[in-house]
Amino acid sequence: MIAASDAPHYSRPGPNLAAGVLALGVHAAFLLLLVVGVSWQTDHPEPVMVDLWDALPVAPAPPVAAPESPPEPVPPPEPVKAVEPAPVPVVPPKPAPPPVTPPAPKAPDIALEKKKTEAARLEKLKALQVAEEKALADAARAEADAVKLARDKQLAEQKRREMLRQMEEDELMQRMAEESAASELRQAREAEARLAATRRQAEITRAVGQFRDKISATVRGNTRLPDDLKGNPEVRFLVRLLPTGEVIDIRRTQSSGNAAYDEAVERAIRKSSPLPLPTDRDARAAFVPELSFVHRPKE
């Protein structure tokens, strides 16, 4: 068995916890009282009034020290005399002004006032009537002036349109006349040009025919026909010429079927160089640079 003195001692936790909670509450109450007491003892500062100056006040000049001199004897003070107050003058009161009695009002003359009022009303009506008649007359005059101005403007516009139309017609007639004259002149010039061209072509054709005949006659005079030639054979050559008529090349384009005759004509062409050519440039263009030459012995 275990003895009672040897058994372990266990304390109850209940009383210790209550004591701790109580101590904590006492401290909290003390802290709260301390805070409240400090806030009560705090003095709020009173508002301070400040004067603002535009400039600093001038400080008084320090007294100038007088030169040292021996002290003078101070006289004894004089006795102070009592000052009696000056007597106040007595002003007598002003008398009150006498009361002003207004004049007694006269009895109004009702008939006279009514007559004056009626006369003034008639004058006003007459002035209004005169002003209205004048305004109507001015309006009628202004309307008549406006109508006259509009009519004059319309007449001027109509006259301007007529002048413009007349000018346009005159200009159109003049332009048509000019165009007709120009057309007639152009047609006349064209006809003259065609006539001149026809004449020129006829001259060129005549000159070409003449010189073809001359070339044919020249070649025929230099041709030695073979003895056995029969009929009237035709041979064609393409002859290249210089502007001076000299033969530089001959090419047979169509044979007559008789070689001897063809060679005889070719020799005659070379022998006839230079061939006769027209001096006219346009006519000479039919021979230069190439001439188509046709030869028949009986032509």
C-alpha atoms as a PDB file:
ATOM      1  CA  MET A   1       0.000   0.000   0.000  1.00  0.00           C
ATOM      2  CA  ILE A   2       1.047   3.517  -0.600  1.00  0.00           C
ATOM      3  CA  ALA A   3       1.065   5.906   2.330  1.00  0.00           C
ATOM      4  CA  ALA A   4      -0.933   9.083   2.261  1.00  0.00           C
ATOM      5  CA  SER A   5       2.210  11.205   2.642  1.00  0.00           C
ATOM      6  CA  ASP A   6       3.875   9.543  -0.314  1.00  0.00           C
ATOM      7  CA  ALA A   7       0.935  10.135  -2.757  1.00  0.00           C
ATOM      8  CA  PRO A   8       1.370  12.985  -5.316  1.00  0.00           C
ATOM      9  CA  HIS A   9      -0.470  16.330  -4.651  1.00  0.00           C
ATOM     10  CA  TYR A  10      -2.704  17.679  -7.416  1.00  0.00           C
ATOM     11  CA  SER A  11      -4.037  21.334  -7.131  1.00  0.00           C
ATOM     12  CA  ARG A  12      -7.468  22.236  -8.563  1.00  0.00           C
ATOM     13  CA  PRO A  13      -7.288  24.566 -11.531  1.00  0.00           C
ATOM     14  CA  GLY A  14     -10.593  26.325 -10.864  1.00  0.00           C
ATOM     15  CA  PRO A  15      -9.536  28.945  -8.225  1.00  0.00           C
ATOM     16  CA  ASN A  16      -6.302  29.890 -10.091  1.00  0.00           C
ATOM     17  CA  LEU A  17      -8.169  30.655 -13.380  1.00  0.00           C
ATOM     18  CA  ALA A  18     -10.672  32.884 -11.638  1.00  0.00           C
ATOM     19  CA  ALA A  19      -7.893  34.829  -9.947  1.00  0.00           C
ATOM     20  CA  GLY A  20      -6.143  35.422 -13.268  1.00  0.00           C
ATOM     21  CA  VAL A  21      -9.331  36.700 -14.910  1.00  0.00           C
ATOM     22  CA  LEU A  22      -9.986  39.028 -11.990  1.00  0.00           C
ATOM     23  CA  ALA A  23      -6.455  40.454 -12.115  1.00  0.00           C
ATOM     24  CA  LEU A  24      -6.773  41.073 -15.856  1.00  0.00           C
ATOM     25  CA  GLY A  25     -10.056  42.965 -15.328  1.00  0.00           C
ATOM     26  CA  VAL A  26      -8.514  45.138 -12.605  1.00  0.00           C
ATOM     27  CA  HIS A  27      -5.649  46.099 -14.898  1.00  0.00           C
ATOM     28  CA  ALA A  28      -8.008  46.969 -17.724  1.00  0.00           C
ATOM     29  CA  ALA A  29     -10.136  49.184 -15.466  1.00  0.00           C
ATOM     30  CA  PHE A  30      -7.023  50.956 -14.183  1.00  0.00           C
ATOM     31  CA  LEU A  31      -5.800  51.599 -17.746  1.00  0.00           C
ATOM     32  CA  LEU A  32      -9.200  53.002 -18.722  1.00  0.00           C
ATOM     33  CA  LEU A  33      -9.241  55.380 -15.748  1.00  0.00           C
ATOM     34  CA  LEU A  34      -5.731  56.527 -16.598  1.00  0.00           C
ATOM     35  CA  VAL A  35      -6.692  57.372 -20.190  1.00  0.00           C
ATOM     36  CA  VAL A  36      -9.846  59.234 -19.144  1.00  0.00           C
ATOM     37  CA  GLY A  37      -7.958  61.241 -16.521  1.00  0.00           C
ATOM     38  CA  VAL A  38      -5.283  62.323 -18.987  1.00  0.00           C
ATOM     39  CA  SER A  39      -7.888  63.445 -21.560  1.00  0.00           C
ATOM     40  CA  TRP A  40      -9.687  65.557 -18.916  1.00  0.00           C
ATOM     41  CA  GLN A  41      -6.497  67.271 -17.840  1.00  0.00           C
ATOM     42  CA  THR A  42      -5.527  68.243 -21.398  1.00  0.00           C
ATOM     43  CA  ASP A  43      -5.980  72.020 -22.021  1.00  0.00           C
ATOM     44  CA  HIS A  44      -6.949  73.096 -25.528  1.00  0.00           C
ATOM     45  CA  PRO A  45      -4.929  76.120 -26.784  1.00  0.00           C
ATOM     46  CA  GLU A  46      -6.825  79.390 -27.000  1.00  0.00           C
ATOM     47  CA  PRO A  47      -7.015  81.125 -30.411  1.00  0.00           C
ATOM     48  CA  VAL A  48      -4.261  83.646 -31.061  1.00  0.00           C
ATOM     49  CA  MET A  49      -5.033  86.996 -32.756  1.00  0.00           C
ATOM     50  CA  VAL A  50      -2.344  88.251 -35.147  1.00  0.00           C
ATOM     51  CA  ASP A  51      -2.091  91.762 -36.658  1.00  0.00           C
ATOM     52  CA  LEU A  52      -0.696  91.966 -40.168  1.00  0.00           C
ATOM     53  CA  TRP A  53       1.423  95.012 -41.117  1.00  0.00           C
ATOM     54  CA  ASP A  54       2.244  96.229 -44.627  1.00  0.00           C
ATOM     55  CA  ALA A  55       5.637  97.409 -43.343  1.00  0.00           C
ATOM     56  CA  LEU A  56       7.576  97.270 -40.129  1.00  0.00           C
ATOM     57  CA  PRO A  57       6.999 100.245 -37.795  1.00  0.00           C
ATOM     58  CA  VAL A  58       9.779 102.772 -37.658  1.00  0.00           C
ATOM     59  CA  ALA A  59      11.688 102.415 -34.476  1.00  0.00           C
ATOM     60  CA  PRO A  60      12.127 105.681 -32.580  1.00  0.00           C
ATOM     61  CA  ALA A  61      15.541 107.200 -32.873  1.00  0.00           C
ATOM     62  CA  PRO A  62      17.652 106.739 -29.759  1.00  0.00           C
ATOM     63  CA  PRO A  63      18.061 109.909 -27.739  1.00  0.00           C
ATOM     64  CA  VAL A  64      21.175 111.818 -28.453  1.00  0.00           C
ATOM     65  CA  ALA A  65      23.311 112.021 -25.438  1.00  0.00           C
ATOM     66  CA  ALA A  66      23.945 115.592 -24.475  1.00  0.00           C
ATOM     67  CA  PRO A  67      27.413 116.645 -23.590  1.00  0.00           C
ATOM     68  CA  GLU A  68      28.190 116.264 -19.976  1.00  0.00           C
ATOM     69  CA  SER A  69      27.822 119.460 -17.992  1.00  0.00           C
ATOM     70  CA  PRO A  70      27.896 120.194 -14.355  1.00  0.00           C
ATOM     71  CA  PRO A  71      24.575 119.499 -12.657  1.00  0.00           C
ATOM     72  CA  GLU A  72      22.371 122.555 -12.187  1.00  0.00           C
ATOM     73  CA  PRO A  73      20.537 123.207  -8.987  1.00  0.00           C
ATOM     74  CA  VAL A  74      16.943 121.890  -9.073  1.00  0.00           C
ATOM     75  CA  PRO A  75      14.403 124.603  -8.090  1.00  0.00           C
ATOM     76  CA  PRO A  76      11.791 123.638  -5.585  1.00  0.00           C
ATOM     77  CA  PRO A  77       8.425 122.591  -6.987  1.00  0.00           C
ATOM     78  CA  GLU A  78       5.710 125.264  -7.153  1.00  0.00           C
ATOM     79  CA  PRO A  79       2.500 124.676  -5.288  1.00  0.00           C
ATOM     80  CA  VAL A  80      -0.347 123.366  -7.489  1.00  0.00           C
ATOM     81  CA  LYS A  81      -3.298 125.759  -7.711  1.00  0.00           C
ATOM     82  CA  ALA A  82      -6.823 124.481  -7.938  1.00  0.00           C
ATOM     83  CA  VAL A  83      -8.435 125.193 -11.376  1.00  0.00           C
ATOM     84  CA  GLU A  84     -12.039 126.329 -11.149  1.00  0.00           C
ATOM     85  CA  PRO A  85     -14.391 125.233 -13.997  1.00  0.00           C
ATOM     86  CA  ALA A  86     -15.513 127.984 -16.447  1.00  0.00           C
ATOM     87  CA  PRO A  87     -19.143 129.007 -16.134  1.00  0.00           C
ATOM     88  CA  VAL A  88     -21.441 127.537 -18.865  1.00  0.00           C
ATOM     89  CA  PRO A  89     -23.401 130.293 -20.694  1.00  0.00           C
ATOM     90  CA  VAL A  90     -27.159 129.909 -20.576  1.00  0.00           C
ATOM     91  CA  VAL A  91     -28.805 130.021 -24.079  1.00  0.00           C
ATOM     92  CA  PRO A  92     -32.431 131.184 -23.986  1.00  0.00           C
ATOM     93  CA  PRO A  93     -34.819 128.871 -25.974  1.00  0.00           C
ATOM     94  CA  LYS A  94     -35.950 130.048 -29.449  1.00  0.00           C
ATOM     95  CA  PRO A  95     -39.591 130.971 -29.816  1.00  0.00           C
ATOM     96  CA  ALA A  96     -41.693 128.460 -31.851  1.00  0.00           C
ATOM     97  CA  PRO A  97     -42.622 129.619 -35.426  1.00  0.00           C
ATOM     98  CA  PRO A  98     -46.225 130.633 -35.882  1.00  0.00           C
ATOM     99  CA  PRO A  99     -48.399 127.944 -37.485  1.00  0.00           C
ATOM    100  CA  VAL A 100     -48.903 128.276 -41.269  1.00  0.00           C
ATOM    101  CA  THR A 101     -52.548 128.226 -42.148  1.00  0.00           C
ATOM    102  CA  PRO A 102     -53.108 126.700 -45.643  1.00  0.00           C
ATOM    103  CA  PRO A 103     -55.376 128.683 -47.998  1.00  0.00           C
ATOM    104  CA  ALA A 104     -58.881 127.462 -48.201  1.00  0.00           C
ATOM    105  CA  PRO A 105     -59.387 125.298 -51.325  1.00  0.00           C
ATOM    106  CA  LYS A 106     -61.516 126.833 -54.040  1.00  0.00           C
ATOM    107  CA  ALA A 107     -64.448 124.982 -55.341  1.00  0.00           C
ATOM    108  CA  PRO A 108     -63.464 123.401 -58.774  1.00  0.00           C
ATOM    109  CA  ASP A 109     -65.310 124.600 -61.802  1.00  0.00           C
ATOM    110  CA  ILE A 110     -66.574 121.242 -63.106  1.00  0.00           C
ATOM    111  CA  ALA A 111     -67.990 122.647 -66.323  1.00  0.00           C
ATOM    112  CA  LEU A 112     -64.732 124.436 -67.212  1.00  0.00           C
ATOM    113  CA  GLU A 113     -62.616 121.361 -66.500  1.00  0.00           C
ATOM    114  CA  LYS A 114     -64.959 119.214 -68.572  1.00  0.00           C
ATOM    115  CA  LYS A 115     -64.810 121.697 -71.458  1.00  0.00           C
ATOM    116  CA  LYS A 116     -60.980 121.754 -71.318  1.00  0.00           C
ATOM    117  CA  THR A 117     -60.836 117.962 -71.277  1.00  0.00           C
ATOM    118  CA  GLU A 118     -63.180 117.721 -74.272  1.00  0.00           C
ATOM    119  CA  ALA A 119     -61.152 120.319 -76.182  1.00  0.00           C
ATOM    120  CA  ALA A 120     -57.924 118.432 -75.478  1.00  0.00           C
ATOM    121  CA  ARG A 121     -59.511 115.173 -76.635  1.00  0.00           C
ATOM    122  CA  LEU A 122     -60.747 116.798 -79.846  1.00  0.00           C
ATOM    123  CA  GLU A 123     -57.297 118.256 -80.502  1.00  0.00           C
ATOM    124  CA  LYS A 124     -55.733 114.845 -79.988  1.00  0.00           C
ATOM    125  CA  LEU A 125     -58.257 113.168 -82.297  1.00  0.00           C
ATOM    126  CA  LYS A 126     -57.664 115.845 -84.930  1.00  0.00           C
ATOM    127  CA  ALA A 127     -53.871 115.381 -84.640  1.00  0.00           C
ATOM    128  CA  LEU A 128     -54.282 111.612 -84.958  1.00  0.00           C
ATOM    129  CA  GLN A 129     -56.544 112.047 -88.000  1.00  0.00           C
ATOM    130  CA  VAL A 130     -54.034 114.396 -89.638  1.00  0.00           C
ATOM    131  CA  ALA A 131     -51.181 111.991 -88.921  1.00  0.00           C
ATOM    132  CA  GLU A 132     -53.195 109.068 -90.308  1.00  0.00           C
ATOM    133  CA  GLU A 133     -54.099 110.988 -93.478  1.00  0.00           C
ATOM    134  CA  LYS A 134     -50.459 111.949 -93.938  1.00  0.00           C
ATOM    135  CA  ALA A 135     -49.348 108.341 -93.414  1.00  0.00           C
ATOM    136  CA  LEU A 136     -51.937 107.139 -95.954  1.00  0.00           C
ATOM    137  CA  ALA A 137     -50.817 109.795 -98.434  1.00  0.00           C
ATOM    138  CA  ASP A 138     -47.152 108.845 -97.920  1.00  0.00           C
ATOM    139  CA  ALA A 139     -47.992 105.153 -98.342  1.00  0.00           C
ATOM    140  CA  ALA A 140     -49.970 105.853-101.526  1.00  0.00           C
ATOM    141  CA  ARG A 141     -47.127 108.010-102.879  1.00  0.00           C
ATOM    142  CA  ALA A 142     -44.557 105.330-102.008  1.00  0.00           C
ATOM    143  CA  GLU A 143     -46.697 102.650-103.655  1.00  0.00           C
ATOM    144  CA  ALA A 144     -47.095 104.783-106.783  1.00  0.00           C
ATOM    145  CA  ASP A 145     -43.324 105.374-106.869  1.00  0.00           C
ATOM    146  CA  ALA A 146     -42.701 101.647-106.439  1.00  0.00           C
ATOM    147  CA  VAL A 147     -45.130 100.803-109.248  1.00  0.00           C
ATOM    148  CA  LYS A 148     -43.533 103.422-111.516  1.00  0.00           C
ATOM    149  CA  LEU A 149     -40.051 102.156-110.641  1.00  0.00           C
ATOM    150  CA  ALA A 150     -41.089  98.560-111.342  1.00  0.00           C
ATOM    151  CA  ARG A 151     -42.672  99.584-114.663  1.00  0.00           C
ATOM    152  CA  ASP A 152     -39.596 101.571-115.683  1.00  0.00           C
ATOM    153  CA  LYS A 153     -37.381  98.647-114.698  1.00  0.00           C
ATOM    154  CA  GLN A 154     -39.562  96.260-116.703  1.00  0.00           C
ATOM    155  CA  LEU A 155     -39.473  98.544-119.726  1.00  0.00           C
ATOM    156  CA  ALA A 156     -35.703  98.912-119.440  1.00  0.00           C
ATOM    157  CA  GLU A 157     -35.297  95.131-119.149  1.00  0.00           C
ATOM    158  CA  GLN A 158     -37.587  94.579-122.144  1.00  0.00           C
ATOM    159  CA  LYS A 159     -35.635  97.139-124.171  1.00  0.00           C
ATOM    160  CA  ARG A 160     -32.348  95.494-123.146  1.00  0.00           C
ATOM    161  CA  ARG A 161     -33.651  92.080-124.215  1.00  0.00           C
ATOM    162  CA  GLU A 162     -34.809  93.462-127.541  1.00  0.00           C
ATOM    163  CA  MET A 163     -31.405  95.053-128.099  1.00  0.00           C
ATOM    164  CA  LEU A 164     -29.659  91.806-127.202  1.00  0.00           C
ATOM    165  CA  ARG A 165     -31.948  89.831-129.503  1.00  0.00           C
ATOM    166  CA  GLN A 166     -31.361  92.320-132.314  1.00  0.00           C
ATOM    167  CA  MET A 167     -27.614  92.147-131.708  1.00  0.00           C
ATOM    168  CA  GLU A 168     -27.736  88.351-131.704  1.00  0.00           C
ATOM    169  CA  GLU A 169     -29.731  88.356-134.932  1.00  0.00           C
ATOM    170  CA  ASP A 170     -27.326  90.819-136.530  1.00  0.00           C
ATOM    171  CA  GLU A 171     -24.362  88.807-135.322  1.00  0.00           C
ATOM    172  CA  LEU A 172     -25.978  85.597-136.591  1.00  0.00           C
ATOM    173  CA  MET A 173     -26.694  87.161-139.974  1.00  0.00           C
ATOM    174  CA  GLN A 174     -23.169  88.514-140.174  1.00  0.00           C
ATOM    175  CA  ARG A 175     -21.720  85.147-139.174  1.00  0.00           C
ATOM    176  CA  MET A 176     -23.900  83.376-141.727  1.00  0.00           C
ATOM    177  CA  ALA A 177     -22.846  85.859-144.378  1.00  0.00           C
ATOM    178  CA  GLU A 178     -19.186  85.392-143.452  1.00  0.00           C
ATOM    179  CA  GLU A 179     -19.556  81.624-143.445  1.00  0.00           C
ATOM    180  CA  SER A 180     -21.327  81.751-146.817  1.00  0.00           C
ATOM    181  CA  ALA A 181     -18.624  83.999-148.244  1.00  0.00           C
ATOM    182  CA  ALA A 182     -15.938  81.758-146.776  1.00  0.00           C
ATOM    183  CA  SER A 183     -17.669  78.680-148.169  1.00  0.00           C
ATOM    184  CA  GLU A 184     -17.962  80.265-151.602  1.00  0.00           C
ATOM    185  CA  LEU A 185     -14.332  81.339-151.445  1.00  0.00           C
ATOM    186  CA  ARG A 186     -13.314  77.858-150.323  1.00  0.00           C
ATOM    187  CA  GLN A 187     -15.316  76.249-153.095  1.00  0.00           C
ATOM    188  CA  ALA A 188     -13.861  78.648-155.606  1.00  0.00           C
ATOM    189  CA  ARG A 189     -10.356  77.895-154.385  1.00  0.00           C
ATOM    190  CA  GLU A 190     -11.040  74.184-154.438  1.00  0.00           C
ATOM    191  CA  ALA A 191     -12.441  74.430-157.942  1.00  0.00           C
ATOM    192  CA  GLU A 192      -9.464  76.498-158.986  1.00  0.00           C
ATOM    193  CA  ALA A 193      -7.128  73.998-157.336  1.00  0.00           C
ATOM    194  CA  ARG A 194      -8.875  71.102-159.077  1.00  0.00           C
ATOM    195  CA  LEU A 195      -8.681  72.910-162.373  1.00  0.00           C
ATOM    196  CA  ALA A 196      -5.013  73.696-161.798  1.00  0.00           C
ATOM    197  CA  ALA A 197      -4.384  70.080-160.805  1.00  0.00           C
ATOM    198  CA  THR A 198      -6.213  68.888-163.925  1.00  0.00           C
ATOM    199  CA  ARG A 199      -4.196  71.238-166.043  1.00  0.00           C
ATOM    200  CA  ARG A 200      -1.019  70.164-164.331  1.00  0.00           C
ATOM    201  CA  GLN A 201      -1.834  66.500-164.779  1.00  0.00           C
ATOM    202  CA  ALA A 202      -2.638  67.087-168.397  1.00  0.00           C
ATOM    203  CA  GLU A 203       0.699  68.839-168.847  1.00  0.00           C
ATOM    204  CA  ILE A 204       2.530  65.997-167.117  1.00  0.00           C
ATOM    205  CA  THR A 205       0.657  63.378-169.160  1.00  0.00           C
ATOM    206  CA  ARG A 206       1.373  65.235-172.384  1.00  0.00           C
ATOM    207  CA  ALA A 207       5.069  65.612-171.473  1.00  0.00           C
ATOM    208  CA  VAL A 208       5.346  61.929-170.531  1.00  0.00           C
ATOM    209  CA  GLY A 209       3.678  60.888-173.816  1.00  0.00           C
ATOM    210  CA  GLN A 210       5.937  63.144-175.824  1.00  0.00           C
ATOM    211  CA  PHE A 211       9.121  61.825-174.219  1.00  0.00           C
ATOM    212  CA  ARG A 212       7.950  58.206-174.483  1.00  0.00           C
ATOM    213  CA  ASP A 213       7.556  58.791-178.183  1.00  0.00           C
ATOM    214  CA  LYS A 214      11.006  60.404-178.290  1.00  0.00           C
ATOM    215  CA  ILE A 215      12.597  57.458-176.442  1.00  0.00           C
ATOM    216  CA  SER A 216      10.807  54.961-178.721  1.00  0.00           C
ATOM    217  CA  ALA A 217      11.933  56.847-181.816  1.00  0.00           C
ATOM    218  CA  THR A 218      15.518  57.025-180.539  1.00  0.00           C
ATOM    219  CA  VAL A 219      15.655  53.276-179.756  1.00  0.00           C
ATOM    220  CA  ARG A 220      13.933  52.383-183.060  1.00  0.00           C
ATOM    221  CA  GLY A 221      16.547  54.416-184.942  1.00  0.00           C
ATOM    222  CA  ASN A 222      19.343  52.418-183.282  1.00  0.00           C
ATOM    223  CA  THR A 223      17.709  49.000-183.712  1.00  0.00           C
ATOM    224  CA  ARG A 224      19.027  46.586-186.391  1.00  0.00           C
ATOM    225  CA  LEU A 225      16.194  44.120-186.998  1.00  0.00           C
ATOM    226  CA  PRO A 226      17.065  40.556-188.046  1.00  0.00           C
ATOM    227  CA  ASP A 227      16.330  39.605-191.676  1.00  0.00           C
ATOM    228  CA  ASP A 228      14.020  36.697-190.807  1.00  0.00           C
ATOM    229  CA  LEU A 229      11.723  38.803-188.541  1.00  0.00           C
ATOM    230  CA  LYS A 230       8.058  38.218-189.271  1.00  0.00           C
ATOM    231  CA  GLY A 231       5.004  40.021-187.997  1.00  0.00           C
ATOM    232  CA  ASN A 232       5.051  42.726-185.279  1.00  0.00           C
ATOM    233  CA  PRO A 233       6.482  41.005-182.173  1.00  0.00           C
ATOM    234  CA  GLU A 234       6.397  42.835-178.763  1.00  0.00           C
ATOM    235  CA  VAL A 235       9.217  42.814-176.264  1.00  0.00           C
ATOM    236  CA  ARG A 236       9.183  44.486-172.778  1.00  0.00           C
ATOM    237  CA  PHE A 237      12.142  45.745-170.750  1.00  0.00           C
ATOM    238  CA  LEU A 238      12.543  47.412-167.310  1.00  0.00           C
ATOM    239  CA  VAL A 239      15.243  50.053-167.690  1.00  0.00           C
ATOM    240  CA  ARG A 240      16.938  51.679-164.702  1.00  0.00           C
ATOM    241  CA  LEU A 241      17.929  55.281-165.397  1.00  0.00           C
ATOM    242  CA  LEU A 242      19.768  58.094-163.708  1.00  0.00           C
ATOM    243  CA  PRO A 243      18.104  61.537-163.511  1.00  0.00           C
ATOM    244  CA  THR A 244      20.381  62.516-166.396  1.00  0.00           C
ATOM    245  CA  GLY A 245      18.863  59.769-168.643  1.00  0.00           C
ATOM    246  CA  GLU A 246      21.903  57.422-168.577  1.00  0.00           C
ATOM    247  CA  VAL A 247      21.046  53.714-168.636  1.00  0.00           C
ATOM    248  CA  ILE A 248      22.537  51.772-165.709  1.00  0.00           C
ATOM    249  CA  ASP A 249      20.657  48.451-166.029  1.00  0.00           C
ATOM    250  CA  ILE A 250      18.296  46.619-168.438  1.00  0.00           C
ATOM    251  CA  ARG A 251      16.092  43.667-167.485  1.00  0.00           C
ATOM    252  CA  ARG A 252      13.784  41.861-169.939  1.00  0.00           C
ATOM    253  CA  THR A 253      10.344  41.316-168.375  1.00  0.00           C
ATOM    254  CA  GLN A 254       8.558  39.830-171.462  1.00  0.00           C
ATOM    255  CA  SER A 255      10.206  38.163-174.471  1.00  0.00           C
ATOM    256  CA  SER A 256       8.872  38.416-178.008  1.00  0.00           C
ATOM    257  CA  GLY A 257       9.741  34.794-178.739  1.00  0.00           C
ATOM    258  CA  ASN A 258      12.531  35.825-181.105  1.00  0.00           C
ATOM    259  CA  ALA A 259      15.809  35.918-179.239  1.00  0.00           C
ATOM    260  CA  ALA A 260      17.612  37.777-182.029  1.00  0.00           C
ATOM    261  CA  TYR A 261      14.976  40.459-182.038  1.00  0.00           C
ATOM    262  CA  ASP A 262      15.076  40.769-178.219  1.00  0.00           C
ATOM    263  CA  GLU A 263      18.873  41.149-178.208  1.00  0.00           C
ATOM    264  CA  ALA A 264      18.742  43.690-181.033  1.00  0.00           C
ATOM    265  CA  VAL A 265      16.300  45.866-179.063  1.00  0.00           C
ATOM    266  CA  GLU A 266      18.406  45.597-175.875  1.00  0.00           C
ATOM    267  CA  ARG A 267      21.522  46.684-177.786  1.00  0.00           C
ATOM    268  CA  ALA A 268      19.592  49.618-179.267  1.00  0.00           C
ATOM    269  CA  ILE A 269      18.534  50.771-175.735  1.00  0.00           C
ATOM    270  CA  ARG A 270      22.125  50.704-174.484  1.00  0.00           C
ATOM    271  CA  LYS A 271      23.259  52.535-177.640  1.00  0.00           C
ATOM    272  CA  SER A 272      20.590  55.232-177.110  1.00  0.00           C
ATOM    273  CA  SER A 273      21.928  56.136-173.598  1.00  0.00           C
ATOM    274  CA  PRO A 274      21.439  58.768-172.353  1.00  0.00           C
ATOM    275  CA  LEU A 275      17.774  58.665-173.164  1.00  0.00           C
ATOM    276  CA  PRO A 276      15.895  61.961-173.579  1.00  0.00           C
ATOM    277  CA  LEU A 277      13.994  62.916-170.372  1.00  0.00           C
ATOM    278  CA  PRO A 278      11.674  65.879-169.588  1.00  0.00           C
ATOM    279  CA  THR A 279      13.025  68.733-167.505  1.00  0.00           C
ATOM    280  CA  ASP A 280       9.843  68.881-165.425  1.00  0.00           C
ATOM    281  CA  ARG A 281      10.380  67.004-162.171  1.00  0.00           C
ATOM    282  CA  ASP A 282       6.890  65.540-161.994  1.00  0.00           C
ATOM    283  CA  ALA A 283       7.052  64.350-165.618  1.00  0.00           C
ATOM    284  CA  ARG A 284      10.557  62.935-165.131  1.00  0.00           C
ATOM    285  CA  ALA A 285       9.260  60.892-162.170  1.00  0.00           C
ATOM    286  CA  ALA A 286       7.470  58.649-164.720  1.00  0.00           C
ATOM    287  CA  PHE A 287      10.897  57.634-166.126  1.00  0.00           C
ATOM    288  CA  VAL A 288      13.245  57.732-163.105  1.00  0.00           C
ATOM    289  CA  PRO A 289      14.400  55.563-161.491  1.00  0.00           C
ATOM    290  CA  GLU A 290      12.764  52.817-163.622  1.00  0.00           C
ATOM    291  CA  LEU A 291      11.237  52.963-167.093  1.00  0.00           C
ATOM    292  CA  SER A 292       8.879  50.340-168.438  1.00  0.00           C
ATOM    293  CA  PHE A 293       9.822  50.170-172.122  1.00  0.00           C
ATOM    294  CA  VAL A 294       7.717  48.389-174.784  1.00  0.00           C
ATOM    295  CA  HIS A 295       8.978  47.975-178.329  1.00  0.00           C
ATOM    296  CA  ARG A 296       7.242  46.847-181.527  1.00  0.00           C
ATOM    297  CA  PRO A 297       9.076  47.049-184.858  1.00  0.00           C
ATOM    298  CA  LYS A 298       6.078  48.354-186.844  1.00  0.00           C
ATOM    299  CA  GLU A 299       4.965  51.110-184.455  1.00  0.00           C
END
